[in-house]
């Protein structure tokens, strides 16, 4: 998953969570086993069940979720 961005006017309304859930649903339907992403804000994805698998420097993280 890459380049997920929610415009400031629409943040804190569950938009990102819905977009991520949709991507996960499509991946499950395609029988994918896991998804990966890079982020500067891992706390957002941790709250959705993603796990940090590697950290680069102080603020870049590789995360995944398994199905």
C-alpha atoms as a PDB file:
ATOM      1  CA  UNK A   1       0.000   0.000   0.000  1.00  0.00           C
ATOM      2  CA  UNK A   2       1.410   3.400  -0.899  1.00  0.00           C
ATOM      3  CA  UNK A   3       0.625   7.105  -0.909  1.00  0.00           C
ATOM      4  CA  UNK A   4      -2.381   7.162   1.387  1.00  0.00           C
ATOM      5  CA  UNK A   5      -3.196  10.799   2.067  1.00  0.00           C
ATOM      6  CA  UNK A   6      -6.270  12.380   3.605  1.00  0.00           C
ATOM      7  CA  UNK A   7      -6.786  16.104   3.084  1.00  0.00           C
ATOM      8  CA  UNK A   8      -6.652  18.084   6.333  1.00  0.00           C
ATOM      9  CA  UNK A   9     -10.331  19.055   6.121  1.00  0.00           C
ATOM     10  CA  UNK A  10     -11.302  15.355   6.185  1.00  0.00           C
ATOM     11  CA  UNK A  11      -8.946  14.064   8.868  1.00  0.00           C
ATOM     12  CA  UNK A  12     -10.123  12.615  12.184  1.00  0.00           C
ATOM     13  CA  UNK A  13     -13.365  11.432  10.577  1.00  0.00           C
ATOM     14  CA  UNK A  14     -12.423   7.793   9.917  1.00  0.00           C
ATOM     15  CA  UNK A  15     -11.593   8.324   6.238  1.00  0.00           C
ATOM     16  CA  UNK A  16      -8.106   6.757   6.435  1.00  0.00           C
ATOM     17  CA  UNK A  17      -9.453   3.798   8.411  1.00  0.00           C
ATOM     18  CA  UNK A  18     -12.124   3.173   5.747  1.00  0.00           C
ATOM     19  CA  UNK A  19      -9.587   3.417   2.918  1.00  0.00           C
ATOM     20  CA  UNK A  20      -7.213   0.995   4.644  1.00  0.00           C
ATOM     21  CA  UNK A  21     -10.068  -1.421   5.394  1.00  0.00           C
ATOM     22  CA  UNK A  22     -11.068  -1.354   1.721  1.00  0.00           C
ATOM     23  CA  UNK A  23      -7.498  -2.113   0.586  1.00  0.00           C
ATOM     24  CA  UNK A  24      -7.315  -4.974   3.107  1.00  0.00           C
ATOM     25  CA  UNK A  25     -10.641  -6.360   1.889  1.00  0.00           C
ATOM     26  CA  UNK A  26      -9.459  -6.333  -1.729  1.00  0.00           C
ATOM     27  CA  UNK A  27      -6.220  -8.055  -0.709  1.00  0.00           C
ATOM     28  CA  UNK A  28      -8.146 -10.768   1.148  1.00  0.00           C
ATOM     29  CA  UNK A  29     -10.465 -11.254  -1.831  1.00  0.00           C
ATOM     30  CA  UNK A  30      -7.365 -11.714  -4.002  1.00  0.00           C
ATOM     31  CA  UNK A  31      -6.084 -14.251  -1.445  1.00  0.00           C
ATOM     32  CA  UNK A  32      -3.027 -12.181  -0.614  1.00  0.00           C
ATOM     33  CA  UNK A  33      -1.288 -13.285   2.568  1.00  0.00           C
ATOM     34  CA  UNK A  34      -0.040  -9.877   3.701  1.00  0.00           C
ATOM     35  CA  UNK A  35       0.388  -6.213   2.840  1.00  0.00           C
ATOM     36  CA  UNK A  36       3.318  -3.867   3.414  1.00  0.00           C
ATOM     37  CA  UNK A  37       3.731  -0.117   3.720  1.00  0.00           C
ATOM     38  CA  UNK A  38       6.290   2.529   4.624  1.00  0.00           C
ATOM     39  CA  UNK A  39       5.176   5.297   6.944  1.00  0.00           C
ATOM     40  CA  UNK A  40       6.346   8.152   9.106  1.00  0.00           C
ATOM     41  CA  UNK A  41       3.338   7.672  11.418  1.00  0.00           C
ATOM     42  CA  UNK A  42       3.224   4.038  12.599  1.00  0.00           C
ATOM     43  CA  UNK A  43       0.802   4.761  15.443  1.00  0.00           C
ATOM     44  CA  UNK A  44      -2.025   5.255  12.939  1.00  0.00           C
ATOM     45  CA  UNK A  45      -1.520   1.809  11.429  1.00  0.00           C
ATOM     46  CA  UNK A  46      -0.777   0.052  14.727  1.00  0.00           C
ATOM     47  CA  UNK A  47      -4.280   1.033  15.808  1.00  0.00           C
ATOM     48  CA  UNK A  48      -5.551  -0.879  12.745  1.00  0.00           C
ATOM     49  CA  UNK A  49      -3.587  -4.057  13.513  1.00  0.00           C
ATOM     50  CA  UNK A  50      -0.426  -3.414  11.478  1.00  0.00           C
ATOM     51  CA  UNK A  51       3.005  -4.285  12.919  1.00  0.00           C
ATOM     52  CA  UNK A  52       6.365  -2.541  12.575  1.00  0.00           C
ATOM     53  CA  UNK A  53       8.841  -4.967  11.033  1.00  0.00           C
ATOM     54  CA  UNK A  54      11.737  -2.565  10.478  1.00  0.00           C
ATOM     55  CA  UNK A  55      12.697   0.990  11.379  1.00  0.00           C
ATOM     56  CA  UNK A  56      14.935   3.208   9.247  1.00  0.00           C
ATOM     57  CA  UNK A  57      16.542   6.081  11.095  1.00  0.00           C
ATOM     58  CA  UNK A  58      14.418   7.905  13.614  1.00  0.00           C
ATOM     59  CA  UNK A  59      11.141   8.210  11.755  1.00  0.00           C
ATOM     60  CA  UNK A  60      10.599   5.843   8.820  1.00  0.00           C
ATOM     61  CA  UNK A  61       8.969   2.470   9.385  1.00  0.00           C
ATOM     62  CA  UNK A  62       8.230  -0.627   7.316  1.00  0.00           C
ATOM     63  CA  UNK A  63       5.003  -2.228   8.489  1.00  0.00           C
ATOM     64  CA  UNK A  64       2.887  -5.198   7.509  1.00  0.00           C
ATOM     65  CA  UNK A  65      -0.379  -6.909   8.225  1.00  0.00           C
ATOM     66  CA  UNK A  66      -0.990 -10.620   7.746  1.00  0.00           C
ATOM     67  CA  UNK A  67      -4.278 -12.262   6.893  1.00  0.00           C
END
